[in-house]
N, C-alpha and C. Protein backbone atom coordinates (compact mmCIF):
# COMPACT_ATOMS: atom_id res chain seq x y z
N UNK A 1 26.24 88.34 -151.61
CA UNK A 1 26.24 86.91 -150.60
C UNK A 1 24.68 86.31 -150.85
N UNK A 2 24.81 84.88 -151.07
CA UNK A 2 23.31 84.24 -150.48
C UNK A 2 23.65 83.94 -149.37
N UNK A 3 21.72 83.68 -149.01
CA UNK A 3 21.64 83.05 -147.69
C UNK A 3 22.07 82.19 -147.04
N UNK A 4 22.96 81.38 -147.52
CA UNK A 4 22.71 80.58 -147.47
C UNK A 4 24.44 79.89 -146.41
N UNK A 5 24.71 81.37 -146.61
CA UNK A 5 26.64 81.55 -146.18
C UNK A 5 26.38 81.86 -144.64
N UNK A 6 27.75 81.25 -143.15
CA UNK A 6 27.46 81.67 -142.29
C UNK A 6 28.58 81.63 -141.75
N UNK A 7 29.35 83.13 -141.09
CA UNK A 7 30.84 83.02 -140.76
C UNK A 7 30.47 81.94 -139.46
N UNK A 8 31.58 81.51 -139.91
CA UNK A 8 32.47 80.41 -139.41
C UNK A 8 33.81 81.44 -138.04
N UNK A 9 34.23 82.28 -139.45
CA UNK A 9 35.67 83.07 -138.39
C UNK A 9 35.85 84.42 -138.60
N UNK A 10 36.46 85.27 -137.40
CA UNK A 10 36.97 86.76 -137.93
C UNK A 10 38.66 86.87 -137.72
N UNK A 11 38.98 87.44 -138.52
CA UNK A 11 40.24 87.84 -138.72
C UNK A 11 40.11 89.22 -137.73
N UNK A 12 41.81 89.53 -137.87
CA UNK A 12 41.87 90.76 -138.00
C UNK A 12 43.71 91.39 -138.84
N UNK A 13 44.09 90.45 -139.43
CA UNK A 13 45.07 89.75 -140.06
C UNK A 13 45.08 89.58 -141.34
N UNK A 14 44.36 90.44 -142.22
CA UNK A 14 44.13 90.16 -143.89
C UNK A 14 44.73 88.47 -144.41
N UNK A 15 46.38 88.43 -144.21
CA UNK A 15 47.10 87.72 -144.55
C UNK A 15 46.79 86.17 -144.03
N UNK A 16 46.37 86.19 -142.61
CA UNK A 16 46.18 85.30 -142.06
C UNK A 16 44.44 84.69 -142.64
N UNK A 17 43.65 85.47 -142.64
CA UNK A 17 42.30 85.04 -143.27
C UNK A 17 42.12 84.19 -144.69
N UNK A 18 43.05 85.62 -145.56
CA UNK A 18 43.77 85.31 -146.63
C UNK A 18 44.03 83.68 -146.69
N UNK A 19 44.75 82.68 -146.03
CA UNK A 19 45.76 82.01 -146.31
C UNK A 19 44.51 80.77 -145.65
N UNK A 20 43.83 81.16 -144.92
CA UNK A 20 42.80 80.06 -144.65
C UNK A 20 41.91 79.93 -145.50
N UNK A 21 41.45 81.06 -146.18
CA UNK A 21 40.27 81.22 -147.49
C UNK A 21 41.37 80.23 -148.55
N UNK A 22 42.29 80.04 -148.98
CA UNK A 22 43.15 79.49 -149.78
C UNK A 22 43.07 78.27 -148.81
N UNK A 23 42.81 78.04 -148.16
CA UNK A 23 43.29 76.03 -147.50
C UNK A 23 41.76 75.65 -147.74
N UNK A 24 40.97 76.16 -147.08
CA UNK A 24 39.78 75.72 -147.62
C UNK A 24 39.18 75.95 -148.88
N UNK A 25 39.83 76.09 -149.77
CA UNK A 25 38.70 76.25 -151.08
C UNK A 25 39.89 74.75 -151.36
N UNK A 26 41.27 74.86 -151.35
CA UNK A 26 42.18 73.81 -151.45
C UNK A 26 41.32 72.43 -151.58
N UNK A 27 40.63 72.79 -150.68
CA UNK A 27 40.09 71.04 -149.48
C UNK A 27 38.78 70.50 -150.24
N UNK A 28 38.03 71.85 -150.91
CA UNK A 28 36.88 71.56 -151.78
C UNK A 28 35.74 72.02 -151.67
N UNK A 29 36.28 73.60 -150.49
CA UNK A 29 35.06 74.51 -149.66
C UNK A 29 35.19 75.80 -149.86
N UNK A 30 34.17 75.88 -151.11
CA UNK A 30 34.22 77.72 -150.88
C UNK A 30 33.96 78.01 -150.02
N UNK A 31 34.89 79.39 -150.22
CA UNK A 31 34.78 80.50 -149.44
C UNK A 31 35.28 82.13 -149.71
N UNK A 32 34.11 82.74 -148.49
CA UNK A 32 34.59 84.28 -148.76
C UNK A 32 35.04 84.86 -147.69
N UNK A 33 35.85 85.69 -148.65
CA UNK A 33 36.54 87.01 -146.96
C UNK A 33 35.94 88.31 -147.65
N UNK A 34 34.94 88.79 -146.28
CA UNK A 34 34.80 89.95 -146.00
C UNK A 34 35.27 91.03 -144.99
N UNK A 35 35.40 92.13 -146.19
CA UNK A 35 37.23 92.54 -145.89
C UNK A 35 36.48 93.60 -144.84
N UNK A 36 35.96 93.98 -143.59
CA UNK A 36 35.57 95.33 -142.92
C UNK A 36 36.69 96.35 -142.47
N UNK A 37 37.79 96.09 -143.04
CA UNK A 37 38.86 96.74 -142.54
C UNK A 37 38.74 98.63 -143.07
N UNK A 38 38.84 99.37 -142.43
CA UNK A 38 39.39 100.74 -142.44
C UNK A 38 40.17 100.37 -143.45
N UNK A 39 40.33 101.13 -145.03
CA UNK A 39 41.66 100.70 -145.75
C UNK A 39 42.54 102.17 -146.09
N UNK A 40 42.48 103.05 -144.62
CA UNK A 40 43.55 104.04 -144.51
C UNK A 40 44.20 103.49 -143.12
N UNK A 41 43.56 103.76 -142.39
CA UNK A 41 44.41 102.31 -141.20
C UNK A 41 44.35 100.79 -140.82
N UNK A 42 43.24 100.38 -141.01
CA UNK A 42 43.56 99.26 -141.04
C UNK A 42 43.27 98.67 -139.92
N UNK A 43 42.56 99.04 -139.21
CA UNK A 43 41.73 98.87 -138.24
C UNK A 43 39.63 98.04 -138.35
N UNK A 44 39.60 96.78 -137.64
CA UNK A 44 38.23 96.55 -138.86
C UNK A 44 38.40 95.12 -137.88
N UNK A 45 37.64 94.38 -138.78
CA UNK A 45 37.56 93.23 -138.60
C UNK A 45 37.75 92.62 -140.67
N UNK A 46 38.25 91.38 -140.48
CA UNK A 46 37.41 90.28 -142.15
C UNK A 46 36.97 89.29 -141.73
N UNK A 47 35.73 88.77 -142.08
CA UNK A 47 35.22 88.06 -141.56
C UNK A 47 35.03 86.86 -143.01
N UNK A 48 35.42 86.24 -142.23
CA UNK A 48 35.24 84.34 -142.81
C UNK A 48 33.99 84.09 -143.33
N UNK A 49 33.39 83.54 -144.47
CA UNK A 49 32.36 82.32 -144.62
C UNK A 49 32.43 81.53 -145.13
N UNK A 50 31.51 80.06 -145.35
CA UNK A 50 31.26 79.35 -146.14
C UNK A 50 29.39 78.77 -145.94
N UNK A 51 29.58 78.32 -146.91
CA UNK A 51 27.85 77.73 -147.10
C UNK A 51 27.66 76.73 -145.77
N UNK A 52 26.60 76.64 -145.72
CA UNK A 52 26.06 76.14 -144.36
C UNK A 52 26.22 75.06 -144.30
N UNK A 53 25.82 74.49 -145.68
CA UNK A 53 26.53 72.84 -145.35
C UNK A 53 27.90 72.08 -145.15
N UNK A 54 28.45 73.67 -144.93
CA UNK A 54 30.13 73.27 -144.90
C UNK A 54 30.53 73.76 -143.93
N UNK A 55 29.90 73.99 -143.27
CA UNK A 55 29.87 74.62 -141.95
C UNK A 55 31.52 73.46 -141.04
N UNK A 56 30.75 72.18 -140.96
CA UNK A 56 31.19 71.76 -139.27
C UNK A 56 32.33 71.40 -140.57
N UNK A 57 32.88 70.83 -141.45
CA UNK A 57 34.22 70.25 -142.41
C UNK A 57 35.20 71.65 -142.13
N UNK A 58 34.70 73.05 -142.40
CA UNK A 58 35.36 74.20 -142.34
C UNK A 58 36.37 74.20 -140.95
N UNK A 59 35.05 74.11 -140.21
CA UNK A 59 35.48 74.25 -138.76
C UNK A 59 36.64 73.22 -138.18
N UNK A 60 36.02 72.29 -138.73
CA UNK A 60 37.78 70.94 -138.45
C UNK A 60 39.01 71.12 -138.96
N UNK A 61 38.62 71.77 -140.05
CA UNK A 61 40.43 72.08 -141.29
C UNK A 61 41.04 73.18 -140.47
N UNK A 62 40.42 74.23 -140.19
CA UNK A 62 40.84 75.71 -139.50
C UNK A 62 41.30 74.66 -138.29
N UNK A 63 40.75 74.25 -137.00
CA UNK A 63 41.36 73.87 -136.18
C UNK A 63 42.51 73.13 -136.10
N UNK A 64 42.38 71.69 -137.22
CA UNK A 64 43.06 71.00 -137.30
C UNK A 64 44.75 72.13 -137.82
N UNK A 65 44.52 73.01 -138.58
CA UNK A 65 45.53 74.11 -138.91
C UNK A 65 46.02 74.81 -138.10
N UNK A 66 45.21 75.05 -137.54
CA UNK A 66 45.35 75.98 -135.98
C UNK A 66 46.95 75.40 -134.85
N UNK A 67 46.42 74.08 -134.82
CA UNK A 67 47.37 73.19 -134.10
C UNK A 67 48.16 72.75 -134.75
N UNK A 68 48.79 73.41 -135.87
CA UNK A 68 49.58 72.17 -136.61
C UNK A 68 49.64 70.84 -137.03
N UNK A 69 48.04 69.97 -137.80
CA UNK A 69 48.33 69.10 -137.63
C UNK A 69 48.27 69.33 -139.13
C-alpha cells in the first residue's frame, strides 16, 4: 500500500467492513480493507483505508450511512 493511505475506521465484523468499502467505492473513493483477523478464531480487527485526499469525504459518507441518511 502506498504511503498516502490513511486508516479511517476499524471494524470487528468483516461483512460490515466490506459493505462500507463498497459504499465508498460506489461514491468514487478507492478504499482498502486490511483484514488483521485470525482466520481460525476470527478475533482481531479489519482496518479500512482511503487516500489522504479522500479522508474528509469518506468520513462524512460513513457518518451519514451510520445515521441512516
